[in-house]
PDB file of all heavy atoms in Angstrom:
ATOM      1  N   THR A   1       0.822  -1.199   0.000  1.00  0.00           N
ATOM      2  CA  THR A   1       0.000   0.000   0.000  1.00  0.00           C
ATOM      3  C   THR A   1       0.862   1.258   0.000  1.00  0.00           C
ATOM      4  O   THR A   1       0.606   2.200  -0.758  1.00  0.00           O
ATOM      5  CB  THR A   1      -0.948   0.008   1.214  1.00  0.00           C
ATOM      6  OG1 THR A   1      -1.819  -1.117   1.117  1.00  0.00           O
ATOM      7  CG2 THR A   1      -1.774   1.283   1.274  1.00  0.00           C
ATOM      8  N   ALA A   2       1.895   1.280   0.825  1.00  0.00           N
ATOM      9  CA  ALA A   2       2.779   2.449   0.897  1.00  0.00           C
ATOM     10  C   ALA A   2       3.494   2.663  -0.435  1.00  0.00           C
ATOM     11  O   ALA A   2       3.618   3.803  -0.908  1.00  0.00           O
ATOM     12  CB  ALA A   2       3.789   2.272   2.023  1.00  0.00           C
ATOM     13  N   ALA A   3       3.959   1.588  -1.056  1.00  0.00           N
ATOM     14  CA  ALA A   3       4.654   1.705  -2.346  1.00  0.00           C
ATOM     15  C   ALA A   3       3.716   2.220  -3.433  1.00  0.00           C
ATOM     16  O   ALA A   3       4.101   3.044  -4.268  1.00  0.00           O
ATOM     17  CB  ALA A   3       5.246   0.356  -2.747  1.00  0.00           C
ATOM     18  N   ALA A   4       2.473   1.769  -3.422  1.00  0.00           N
ATOM     19  CA  ALA A   4       1.499   2.237  -4.412  1.00  0.00           C
ATOM     20  C   ALA A   4       1.181   3.714  -4.204  1.00  0.00           C
ATOM     21  O   ALA A   4       1.073   4.469  -5.176  1.00  0.00           O
ATOM     22  CB  ALA A   4       0.218   1.404  -4.330  1.00  0.00           C
ATOM     23  N   ASN A   5       1.036   4.115  -2.952  1.00  0.00           N
ATOM     24  CA  ASN A   5       0.795   5.529  -2.672  1.00  0.00           C
ATOM     25  C   ASN A   5       1.943   6.378  -3.210  1.00  0.00           C
ATOM     26  O   ASN A   5       1.723   7.429  -3.816  1.00  0.00           O
ATOM     27  CB  ASN A   5       0.629   5.768  -1.175  1.00  0.00           C
ATOM     28  CG  ASN A   5      -0.663   5.215  -0.623  1.00  0.00           C
ATOM     29  OD1 ASN A   5      -1.577   4.894  -1.372  1.00  0.00           O
ATOM     30  ND2 ASN A   5      -0.731   5.091   0.685  1.00  0.00           N
ATOM     31  N   LEU A   6       3.149   5.921  -3.006  1.00  0.00           N
ATOM     32  CA  LEU A   6       4.325   6.637  -3.493  1.00  0.00           C
ATOM     33  C   LEU A   6       4.347   6.669  -5.020  1.00  0.00           C
ATOM     34  O   LEU A   6       4.630   7.708  -5.626  1.00  0.00           O
ATOM     35  CB  LEU A   6       5.599   5.979  -2.962  1.00  0.00           C
ATOM     36  CG  LEU A   6       6.911   6.662  -3.293  1.00  0.00           C
ATOM     37  CD1 LEU A   6       6.978   8.047  -2.673  1.00  0.00           C
ATOM     38  CD2 LEU A   6       8.074   5.803  -2.802  1.00  0.00           C
ATOM     39  N   ALA A   7       4.030   5.551  -5.639  1.00  0.00           N
ATOM     40  CA  ALA A   7       4.030   5.474  -7.100  1.00  0.00           C
ATOM     41  C   ALA A   7       3.023   6.452  -7.704  1.00  0.00           C
ATOM     42  O   ALA A   7       3.324   7.138  -8.683  1.00  0.00           O
ATOM     43  CB  ALA A   7       3.717   4.046  -7.559  1.00  0.00           C
ATOM     44  N   VAL A   8       1.836   6.532  -7.107  1.00  0.00           N
ATOM     45  CA  VAL A   8       0.819   7.450  -7.605  1.00  0.00           C
ATOM     46  C   VAL A   8       1.255   8.899  -7.357  1.00  0.00           C
ATOM     47  O   VAL A   8       1.138   9.752  -8.241  1.00  0.00           O
ATOM     48  CB  VAL A   8      -0.560   7.165  -6.958  1.00  0.00           C
ATOM     49  CG1 VAL A   8      -1.558   8.268  -7.261  1.00  0.00           C
ATOM     50  CG2 VAL A   8      -1.091   5.818  -7.428  1.00  0.00           C
ATOM     51  N   THR A   9       1.780   9.171  -6.199  1.00  0.00           N
ATOM     52  CA  THR A   9       2.193  10.536  -5.854  1.00  0.00           C
ATOM     53  C   THR A   9       3.312  11.035  -6.756  1.00  0.00           C
ATOM     54  O   THR A   9       3.289  12.180  -7.213  1.00  0.00           O
ATOM     55  CB  THR A   9       2.645  10.594  -4.383  1.00  0.00           C
ATOM     56  OG1 THR A   9       1.547  10.224  -3.548  1.00  0.00           O
ATOM     57  CG2 THR A   9       3.103  11.992  -4.001  1.00  0.00           C
ATOM     58  N   LEU A  10       4.282  10.167  -7.029  1.00  0.00           N
ATOM     59  CA  LEU A  10       5.453  10.583  -7.797  1.00  0.00           C
ATOM     60  C   LEU A  10       5.345  10.301  -9.292  1.00  0.00           C
ATOM     61  O   LEU A  10       6.217  10.708 -10.051  1.00  0.00           O
ATOM     62  CB  LEU A  10       6.705   9.900  -7.244  1.00  0.00           C
ATOM     63  CG  LEU A  10       7.066  10.246  -5.791  1.00  0.00           C
ATOM     64  CD1 LEU A  10       8.285   9.463  -5.353  1.00  0.00           C
ATOM     65  CD2 LEU A  10       7.276  11.737  -5.630  1.00  0.00           C
ATOM     66  N   GLY A  11       4.322   9.584  -9.706  1.00  0.00           N
ATOM     67  CA  GLY A  11       4.191   9.238 -11.119  1.00  0.00           C
ATOM     68  C   GLY A  11       5.303   8.308 -11.569  1.00  0.00           C
ATOM     69  O   GLY A  11       5.896   8.496 -12.626  1.00  0.00           O
ATOM     70  N   SER A  12       5.566   7.298 -10.791  1.00  0.00           N
ATOM     71  CA  SER A  12       6.700   6.395 -11.007  1.00  0.00           C
ATOM     72  C   SER A  12       6.412   5.324 -12.052  1.00  0.00           C
ATOM     73  O   SER A  12       6.349   4.135 -11.746  1.00  0.00           O
ATOM     74  CB  SER A  12       7.069   5.723  -9.688  1.00  0.00           C
ATOM     75  OG  SER A  12       7.340   6.668  -8.706  1.00  0.00           O
ATOM     76  N   LEU A  13       6.251   5.730 -13.292  1.00  0.00           N
ATOM     77  CA  LEU A  13       5.909   4.775 -14.339  1.00  0.00           C
ATOM     78  C   LEU A  13       7.021   3.779 -14.633  1.00  0.00           C
ATOM     79  O   LEU A  13       6.758   2.672 -15.086  1.00  0.00           O
ATOM     80  CB  LEU A  13       5.532   5.526 -15.615  1.00  0.00           C
ATOM     81  CG  LEU A  13       4.296   6.412 -15.505  1.00  0.00           C
ATOM     82  CD1 LEU A  13       4.084   7.194 -16.787  1.00  0.00           C
ATOM     83  CD2 LEU A  13       3.077   5.579 -15.169  1.00  0.00           C
ATOM     84  N   GLY A  14       8.269   4.160 -14.386  1.00  0.00           N
ATOM     85  CA  GLY A  14       9.397   3.275 -14.668  1.00  0.00           C
ATOM     86  C   GLY A  14       9.569   2.155 -13.662  1.00  0.00           C
ATOM     87  O   GLY A  14      10.281   1.190 -13.918  1.00  0.00           O
ATOM     88  N   GLY A  15       8.942   2.266 -12.520  1.00  0.00           N
ATOM     89  CA  GLY A  15       9.011   1.205 -11.531  1.00  0.00           C
ATOM     90  C   GLY A  15       9.300   1.713 -10.138  1.00  0.00           C
ATOM     91  O   GLY A  15       9.726   2.845  -9.937  1.00  0.00           O
ATOM     92  N   ILE A  16       9.054   0.841  -9.197  1.00  0.00           N
ATOM     93  CA  ILE A  16       9.339   1.086  -7.783  1.00  0.00           C
ATOM     94  C   ILE A  16      10.337   0.031  -7.345  1.00  0.00           C
ATOM     95  O   ILE A  16      10.145  -1.169  -7.572  1.00  0.00           O
ATOM     96  CB  ILE A  16       8.055   0.974  -6.927  1.00  0.00           C
ATOM     97  CG1 ILE A  16       7.061   2.072  -7.278  1.00  0.00           C
ATOM     98  CG2 ILE A  16       8.381   0.975  -5.442  1.00  0.00           C
ATOM     99  CD1 ILE A  16       7.431   3.449  -6.786  1.00  0.00           C
ATOM    100  N   TYR A  17      11.419   0.467  -6.720  1.00  0.00           N
ATOM    101  CA  TYR A  17      12.441  -0.432  -6.196  1.00  0.00           C
ATOM    102  C   TYR A  17      12.294  -0.516  -4.683  1.00  0.00           C
ATOM    103  O   TYR A  17      12.259   0.515  -4.011  1.00  0.00           O
ATOM    104  CB  TYR A  17      13.841   0.057  -6.565  1.00  0.00           C
ATOM    105  CG  TYR A  17      14.136  -0.103  -8.028  1.00  0.00           C
ATOM    106  CD1 TYR A  17      13.677   0.828  -8.963  1.00  0.00           C
ATOM    107  CD2 TYR A  17      14.843  -1.204  -8.487  1.00  0.00           C
ATOM    108  CE1 TYR A  17      13.925   0.667 -10.316  1.00  0.00           C
ATOM    109  CE2 TYR A  17      15.099  -1.378  -9.843  1.00  0.00           C
ATOM    110  CZ  TYR A  17      14.636  -0.432 -10.739  1.00  0.00           C
ATOM    111  OH  TYR A  17      14.882  -0.599 -12.081  1.00  0.00           O
ATOM    112  N   ILE A  18      12.192  -1.729  -4.184  1.00  0.00           N
ATOM    113  CA  ILE A  18      12.050  -1.956  -2.751  1.00  0.00           C
ATOM    114  C   ILE A  18      13.429  -2.255  -2.185  1.00  0.00           C
ATOM    115  O   ILE A  18      14.103  -3.191  -2.611  1.00  0.00           O
ATOM    116  CB  ILE A  18      11.094  -3.134  -2.450  1.00  0.00           C
ATOM    117  CG1 ILE A  18       9.742  -2.943  -3.157  1.00  0.00           C
ATOM    118  CG2 ILE A  18      10.928  -3.327  -0.955  1.00  0.00           C
ATOM    119  CD1 ILE A  18       8.976  -1.712  -2.755  1.00  0.00           C
ATOM    120  N   GLY A  19      13.850  -1.447  -1.231  1.00  0.00           N
ATOM    121  CA  GLY A  19      15.157  -1.641  -0.604  1.00  0.00           C
ATOM    122  C   GLY A  19      15.001  -2.004   0.862  1.00  0.00           C
ATOM    123  O   GLY A  19      13.906  -2.292   1.333  1.00  0.00           O
ATOM    124  N   GLY A  20      16.089  -1.951   1.563  1.00  0.00           N
ATOM    125  CA  GLY A  20      16.066  -2.236   2.995  1.00  0.00           C
ATOM    126  C   GLY A  20      16.612  -3.611   3.310  1.00  0.00           C
ATOM    127  O   GLY A  20      17.081  -4.339   2.434  1.00  0.00           O
ATOM    128  N   GLY A  21      16.531  -3.965   4.571  1.00  0.00           N
ATOM    129  CA  GLY A  21      17.124  -5.217   5.023  1.00  0.00           C
ATOM    130  C   GLY A  21      16.167  -6.387   5.135  1.00  0.00           C
ATOM    131  O   GLY A  21      16.599  -7.527   5.257  1.00  0.00           O
ATOM    132  N   ILE A  22      14.869  -6.133   5.114  1.00  0.00           N
ATOM    133  CA  ILE A  22      13.910  -7.208   5.342  1.00  0.00           C
ATOM    134  C   ILE A  22      13.547  -7.933   4.057  1.00  0.00           C
ATOM    135  O   ILE A  22      13.662  -9.162   3.962  1.00  0.00           O
ATOM    136  CB  ILE A  22      12.636  -6.667   6.030  1.00  0.00           C
ATOM    137  CG1 ILE A  22      12.982  -6.115   7.410  1.00  0.00           C
ATOM    138  CG2 ILE A  22      11.574  -7.765   6.140  1.00  0.00           C
ATOM    139  CD1 ILE A  22      11.856  -5.385   8.087  1.00  0.00           C
ATOM    140  N   VAL A  23      13.119  -7.208   3.051  1.00  0.00           N
ATOM    141  CA  VAL A  23      12.593  -7.831   1.824  1.00  0.00           C
ATOM    142  C   VAL A  23      13.616  -8.754   1.150  1.00  0.00           C
ATOM    143  O   VAL A  23      13.238  -9.850   0.720  1.00  0.00           O
ATOM    144  CB  VAL A  23      12.034  -6.767   0.855  1.00  0.00           C
ATOM    145  CG1 VAL A  23      11.650  -7.387  -0.476  1.00  0.00           C
ATOM    146  CG2 VAL A  23      10.828  -6.084   1.486  1.00  0.00           C
ATOM    147  N   PRO A  24      14.901  -8.392   1.052  1.00  0.00           N
ATOM    148  CA  PRO A  24      15.841  -9.328   0.418  1.00  0.00           C
ATOM    149  C   PRO A  24      15.931 -10.684   1.126  1.00  0.00           C
ATOM    150  O   PRO A  24      16.249 -11.685   0.501  1.00  0.00           O
ATOM    151  CB  PRO A  24      17.180  -8.594   0.500  1.00  0.00           C
ATOM    152  CG  PRO A  24      16.819  -7.157   0.547  1.00  0.00           C
ATOM    153  CD  PRO A  24      15.541  -7.107   1.342  1.00  0.00           C
ATOM    154  N   ARG A  25      15.611 -10.729   2.399  1.00  0.00           N
ATOM    155  CA  ARG A  25      15.638 -11.989   3.152  1.00  0.00           C
ATOM    156  C   ARG A  25      14.411 -12.862   2.899  1.00  0.00           C
ATOM    157  O   ARG A  25      14.386 -14.027   3.267  1.00  0.00           O
ATOM    158  CB  ARG A  25      15.721 -11.708   4.645  1.00  0.00           C
ATOM    159  CG  ARG A  25      16.998 -11.064   5.058  1.00  0.00           C
ATOM    160  CD  ARG A  25      17.021 -10.833   6.529  1.00  0.00           C
ATOM    161  NE  ARG A  25      18.256 -10.158   6.900  1.00  0.00           N
ATOM    162  CZ  ARG A  25      18.489  -9.652   8.073  1.00  0.00           C
ATOM    163  NH1 ARG A  25      17.588  -9.734   9.027  1.00  0.00           N
ATOM    164  NH2 ARG A  25      19.628  -9.052   8.325  1.00  0.00           N
ATOM    165  N   LEU A  26      13.403 -12.275   2.279  1.00  0.00           N
ATOM    166  CA  LEU A  26      12.139 -12.999   2.114  1.00  0.00           C
ATOM    167  C   LEU A  26      12.131 -13.946   0.928  1.00  0.00           C
ATOM    168  O   LEU A  26      11.308 -14.853   0.878  1.00  0.00           O
ATOM    169  CB  LEU A  26      10.979 -12.004   1.998  1.00  0.00           C
ATOM    170  CG  LEU A  26      10.773 -11.079   3.189  1.00  0.00           C
ATOM    171  CD1 LEU A  26       9.562 -10.191   2.959  1.00  0.00           C
ATOM    172  CD2 LEU A  26      10.639 -11.860   4.484  1.00  0.00           C
ATOM    173  N   GLY A  27      13.008 -13.719  -0.031  1.00  0.00           N
ATOM    174  CA  GLY A  27      13.103 -14.620  -1.172  1.00  0.00           C
ATOM    175  C   GLY A  27      11.774 -14.804  -1.875  1.00  0.00           C
ATOM    176  O   GLY A  27      11.026 -13.853  -2.097  1.00  0.00           O
ATOM    177  N   GLU A  28      11.464 -16.046  -2.208  1.00  0.00           N
ATOM    178  CA  GLU A  28      10.240 -16.365  -2.944  1.00  0.00           C
ATOM    179  C   GLU A  28       8.978 -16.039  -2.163  1.00  0.00           C
ATOM    180  O   GLU A  28       7.918 -15.838  -2.759  1.00  0.00           O
ATOM    181  CB  GLU A  28      10.238 -17.838  -3.349  1.00  0.00           C
ATOM    182  CG  GLU A  28      11.280 -18.168  -4.403  1.00  0.00           C
ATOM    183  CD  GLU A  28      11.254 -19.631  -4.796  1.00  0.00           C
ATOM    184  OE1 GLU A  28      10.288 -20.347  -4.424  1.00  0.00           O
ATOM    185  OE2 GLU A  28      12.190 -20.063  -5.483  1.00  0.00           O
ATOM    186  N   TYR A  29       9.075 -15.988  -0.842  1.00  0.00           N
ATOM    187  CA  TYR A  29       7.894 -15.644  -0.046  1.00  0.00           C
ATOM    188  C   TYR A  29       7.331 -14.296  -0.490  1.00  0.00           C
ATOM    189  O   TYR A  29       6.122 -14.121  -0.588  1.00  0.00           O
ATOM    190  CB  TYR A  29       8.200 -15.594   1.453  1.00  0.00           C
ATOM    191  CG  TYR A  29       7.057 -14.999   2.238  1.00  0.00           C
ATOM    192  CD1 TYR A  29       5.986 -15.792   2.633  1.00  0.00           C
ATOM    193  CD2 TYR A  29       7.002 -13.636   2.525  1.00  0.00           C
ATOM    194  CE1 TYR A  29       4.895 -15.241   3.306  1.00  0.00           C
ATOM    195  CE2 TYR A  29       5.913 -13.076   3.188  1.00  0.00           C
ATOM    196  CZ  TYR A  29       4.876 -13.884   3.574  1.00  0.00           C
ATOM    197  OH  TYR A  29       3.802 -13.337   4.221  1.00  0.00           O
ATOM    198  N   PHE A  30       8.217 -13.348  -0.756  1.00  0.00           N
ATOM    199  CA  PHE A  30       7.770 -12.009  -1.121  1.00  0.00           C
ATOM    200  C   PHE A  30       6.925 -12.038  -2.387  1.00  0.00           C
ATOM    201  O   PHE A  30       5.950 -11.297  -2.503  1.00  0.00           O
ATOM    202  CB  PHE A  30       8.953 -11.052  -1.277  1.00  0.00           C
ATOM    203  CG  PHE A  30       8.548  -9.619  -1.389  1.00  0.00           C
ATOM    204  CD1 PHE A  30       7.998  -8.951  -0.309  1.00  0.00           C
ATOM    205  CD2 PHE A  30       8.708  -8.933  -2.572  1.00  0.00           C
ATOM    206  CE1 PHE A  30       7.609  -7.617  -0.403  1.00  0.00           C
ATOM    207  CE2 PHE A  30       8.328  -7.602  -2.685  1.00  0.00           C
ATOM    208  CZ  PHE A  30       7.784  -6.946  -1.595  1.00  0.00           C
ATOM    209  N   ASP A  31       7.276 -12.897  -3.330  1.00  0.00           N
ATOM    210  CA  ASP A  31       6.504 -13.014  -4.571  1.00  0.00           C
ATOM    211  C   ASP A  31       5.091 -13.527  -4.306  1.00  0.00           C
ATOM    212  O   ASP A  31       4.160 -13.204  -5.049  1.00  0.00           O
ATOM    213  CB  ASP A  31       7.207 -13.939  -5.563  1.00  0.00           C
ATOM    214  CG  ASP A  31       8.547 -13.384  -6.029  1.00  0.00           C
ATOM    215  OD1 ASP A  31       8.737 -12.151  -5.996  1.00  0.00           O
ATOM    216  OD2 ASP A  31       9.413 -14.193  -6.418  1.00  0.00           O
ATOM    217  N   ARG A  32       4.916 -14.331  -3.269  1.00  0.00           N
ATOM    218  CA  ARG A  32       3.605 -14.893  -2.920  1.00  0.00           C
ATOM    219  C   ARG A  32       2.865 -14.038  -1.887  1.00  0.00           C
ATOM    220  O   ARG A  32       1.709 -14.309  -1.574  1.00  0.00           O
ATOM    221  CB  ARG A  32       3.768 -16.301  -2.343  1.00  0.00           C
ATOM    222  CG  ARG A  32       4.370 -17.314  -3.286  1.00  0.00           C
ATOM    223  CD  ARG A  32       4.398 -18.719  -2.676  1.00  0.00           C
ATOM    224  NE  ARG A  32       4.909 -18.784  -1.315  1.00  0.00           N
ATOM    225  CZ  ARG A  32       6.187 -18.957  -0.982  1.00  0.00           C
ATOM    226  NH1 ARG A  32       7.110 -19.059  -1.907  1.00  0.00           N
ATOM    227  NH2 ARG A  32       6.562 -19.024   0.280  1.00  0.00           N
ATOM    228  N   SER A  33       3.528 -13.059  -1.332  1.00  0.00           N
ATOM    229  CA  SER A  33       2.962 -12.246  -0.255  1.00  0.00           C
ATOM    230  C   SER A  33       1.862 -11.326  -0.782  1.00  0.00           C
ATOM    231  O   SER A  33       1.689 -11.176  -1.992  1.00  0.00           O
ATOM    232  CB  SER A  33       4.068 -11.403   0.389  1.00  0.00           C
ATOM    233  OG  SER A  33       4.351 -10.253  -0.402  1.00  0.00           O
ATOM    234  N   PRO A  34       1.161 -10.663   0.113  1.00  0.00           N
ATOM    235  CA  PRO A  34       0.116  -9.725  -0.304  1.00  0.00           C
ATOM    236  C   PRO A  34       0.648  -8.429  -0.927  1.00  0.00           C
ATOM    237  O   PRO A  34      -0.147  -7.578  -1.324  1.00  0.00           O
ATOM    238  CB  PRO A  34      -0.620  -9.402   1.003  1.00  0.00           C
ATOM    239  CG  PRO A  34      -0.182 -10.384   1.995  1.00  0.00           C
ATOM    240  CD  PRO A  34       1.139 -10.898   1.549  1.00  0.00           C
ATOM    241  N   PHE A  35       1.953  -8.272  -1.035  1.00  0.00           N
ATOM    242  CA  PHE A  35       2.532  -7.019  -1.507  1.00  0.00           C
ATOM    243  C   PHE A  35       1.921  -6.547  -2.823  1.00  0.00           C
ATOM    244  O   PHE A  35       1.404  -5.439  -2.922  1.00  0.00           O
ATOM    245  CB  PHE A  35       4.055  -7.132  -1.653  1.00  0.00           C
ATOM    246  CG  PHE A  35       4.666  -5.939  -2.334  1.00  0.00           C
ATOM    247  CD1 PHE A  35       4.942  -4.798  -1.619  1.00  0.00           C
ATOM    248  CD2 PHE A  35       4.929  -5.956  -3.692  1.00  0.00           C
ATOM    249  CE1 PHE A  35       5.482  -3.670  -2.242  1.00  0.00           C
ATOM    250  CE2 PHE A  35       5.467  -4.847  -4.332  1.00  0.00           C
ATOM    251  CZ  PHE A  35       5.739  -3.697  -3.600  1.00  0.00           C
ATOM    252  N   ARG A  36       2.007  -7.369  -3.857  1.00  0.00           N
ATOM    253  CA  ARG A  36       1.585  -6.902  -5.185  1.00  0.00           C
ATOM    254  C   ARG A  36       0.075  -6.680  -5.257  1.00  0.00           C
ATOM    255  O   ARG A  36      -0.394  -5.719  -5.881  1.00  0.00           O
ATOM    256  CB  ARG A  36       2.049  -7.900  -6.263  1.00  0.00           C
ATOM    257  CG  ARG A  36       1.844  -7.401  -7.675  1.00  0.00           C
ATOM    258  CD  ARG A  36       2.704  -6.200  -7.993  1.00  0.00           C
ATOM    259  NE  ARG A  36       2.167  -5.486  -9.152  1.00  0.00           N
ATOM    260  CZ  ARG A  36       2.800  -4.565  -9.835  1.00  0.00           C
ATOM    261  NH1 ARG A  36       4.023  -4.221  -9.510  1.00  0.00           N
ATOM    262  NH2 ARG A  36       2.241  -3.969 -10.845  1.00  0.00           N
ATOM    263  N   ALA A  37      -0.704  -7.550  -4.622  1.00  0.00           N
ATOM    264  CA  ALA A  37      -2.162  -7.359  -4.616  1.00  0.00           C
ATOM    265  C   ALA A  37      -2.527  -6.039  -3.950  1.00  0.00           C
ATOM    266  O   ALA A  37      -3.388  -5.304  -4.451  1.00  0.00           O
ATOM    267  CB  ALA A  37      -2.852  -8.522  -3.911  1.00  0.00           C
ATOM    268  N   ARG A  38      -1.854  -5.735  -2.849  1.00  0.00           N
ATOM    269  CA  ARG A  38      -2.123  -4.466  -2.168  1.00  0.00           C
ATOM    270  C   ARG A  38      -1.591  -3.296  -2.978  1.00  0.00           C
ATOM    271  O   ARG A  38      -2.164  -2.210  -2.964  1.00  0.00           O
ATOM    272  CB  ARG A  38      -1.512  -4.469  -0.769  1.00  0.00           C
ATOM    273  CG  ARG A  38      -2.215  -5.376   0.221  1.00  0.00           C
ATOM    274  CD  ARG A  38      -3.487  -4.782   0.794  1.00  0.00           C
ATOM    275  NE  ARG A  38      -3.241  -3.634   1.624  1.00  0.00           N
ATOM    276  CZ  ARG A  38      -2.972  -3.688   2.926  1.00  0.00           C
ATOM    277  NH1 ARG A  38      -2.945  -4.857   3.555  1.00  0.00           N
ATOM    278  NH2 ARG A  38      -2.750  -2.592   3.600  1.00  0.00           N
ATOM    279  N   PHE A  39      -0.493  -3.497  -3.692  1.00  0.00           N
ATOM    280  CA  PHE A  39       0.062  -2.452  -4.553  1.00  0.00           C
ATOM    281  C   PHE A  39      -0.964  -2.067  -5.619  1.00  0.00           C
ATOM    282  O   PHE A  39      -1.143  -0.891  -5.921  1.00  0.00           O
ATOM    283  CB  PHE A  39       1.358  -2.949  -5.198  1.00  0.00           C
ATOM    284  CG  PHE A  39       2.058  -1.921  -6.047  1.00  0.00           C
ATOM    285  CD1 PHE A  39       2.894  -0.981  -5.476  1.00  0.00           C
ATOM    286  CD2 PHE A  39       1.895  -1.902  -7.419  1.00  0.00           C
ATOM    287  CE1 PHE A  39       3.555  -0.025  -6.249  1.00  0.00           C
ATOM    288  CE2 PHE A  39       2.541  -0.958  -8.210  1.00  0.00           C
ATOM    289  CZ  PHE A  39       3.375  -0.021  -7.620  1.00  0.00           C
ATOM    290  N   GLU A  40      -1.622  -3.057  -6.189  1.00  0.00           N
ATOM    291  CA  GLU A  40      -2.573  -2.811  -7.269  1.00  0.00           C
ATOM    292  C   GLU A  40      -3.972  -2.445  -6.781  1.00  0.00           C
ATOM    293  O   GLU A  40      -4.817  -2.030  -7.575  1.00  0.00           O
ATOM    294  CB  GLU A  40      -2.645  -4.033  -8.187  1.00  0.00           C
ATOM    295  CG  GLU A  40      -1.344  -4.272  -8.923  1.00  0.00           C
ATOM    296  CD  GLU A  40      -1.388  -5.452  -9.864  1.00  0.00           C
ATOM    297  OE1 GLU A  40      -2.496  -5.968 -10.140  1.00  0.00           O
ATOM    298  OE2 GLU A  40      -0.313  -5.859 -10.338  1.00  0.00           O
ATOM    299  N   ASP A  41      -4.231  -2.567  -5.502  1.00  0.00           N
ATOM    300  CA  ASP A  41      -5.554  -2.281  -4.941  1.00  0.00           C
ATOM    301  C   ASP A  41      -5.693  -0.784  -4.684  1.00  0.00           C
ATOM    302  O   ASP A  41      -5.686  -0.312  -3.555  1.00  0.00           O
ATOM    303  CB  ASP A  41      -5.753  -3.070  -3.647  1.00  0.00           C
ATOM    304  CG  ASP A  41      -7.161  -2.940  -3.094  1.00  0.00           C
ATOM    305  OD1 ASP A  41      -8.075  -2.543  -3.846  1.00  0.00           O
ATOM    306  OD2 ASP A  41      -7.341  -3.232  -1.897  1.00  0.00           O
ATOM    307  N   LYS A  42      -5.817  -0.010  -5.775  1.00  0.00           N
ATOM    308  CA  LYS A  42      -5.856   1.446  -5.678  1.00  0.00           C
ATOM    309  C   LYS A  42      -7.129   2.022  -6.290  1.00  0.00           C
ATOM    310  O   LYS A  42      -7.125   3.153  -6.792  1.00  0.00           O
ATOM    311  CB  LYS A  42      -4.640   2.081  -6.357  1.00  0.00           C
ATOM    312  CG  LYS A  42      -3.311   1.844  -5.675  1.00  0.00           C
ATOM    313  CD  LYS A  42      -3.273   2.343  -4.259  1.00  0.00           C
ATOM    314  CE  LYS A  42      -3.284   3.849  -4.192  1.00  0.00           C
ATOM    315  NZ  LYS A  42      -3.355   4.327  -2.808  1.00  0.00           N
ATOM    316  N   GLY A  43      -8.214   1.250  -6.289  1.00  0.00           N
ATOM    317  CA  GLY A  43      -9.478   1.768  -6.798  1.00  0.00           C
ATOM    318  C   GLY A  43      -9.351   2.269  -8.224  1.00  0.00           C
ATOM    319  O   GLY A  43      -8.906   1.537  -9.111  1.00  0.00           O
ATOM    320  N   ARG A  44      -9.709   3.519  -8.438  1.00  0.00           N
ATOM    321  CA  ARG A  44      -9.692   4.075  -9.797  1.00  0.00           C
ATOM    322  C   ARG A  44      -8.290   4.161 -10.385  1.00  0.00           C
ATOM    323  O   ARG A  44      -8.125   4.335 -11.588  1.00  0.00           O
ATOM    324  CB  ARG A  44     -10.379   5.433  -9.841  1.00  0.00           C
ATOM    325  CG  ARG A  44      -9.691   6.492  -9.021  1.00  0.00           C
ATOM    326  CD  ARG A  44     -10.576   7.750  -8.922  1.00  0.00           C
ATOM    327  NE  ARG A  44     -10.008   8.674  -7.969  1.00  0.00           N
ATOM    328  CZ  ARG A  44      -9.493   9.844  -8.308  1.00  0.00           C
ATOM    329  NH1 ARG A  44      -9.507  10.243  -9.557  1.00  0.00           N
ATOM    330  NH2 ARG A  44      -8.993  10.629  -7.388  1.00  0.00           N
TER     331      ARG A  44
END
C-alpha cells in the first residue's frame, strides 16, 4: 500500500524499487505475499 501511494504521488511509471534489510531476506515468499495485490488495490 505504501509503495502504491508513493508510485501514484510521484508518477513512477518506470518502476518502484524496494530496498532495505527485510525484503531481500524474504526470497520467494515475497513473490507470494500480499505485496503486489495491495500495490494494485488502488481503486480508480
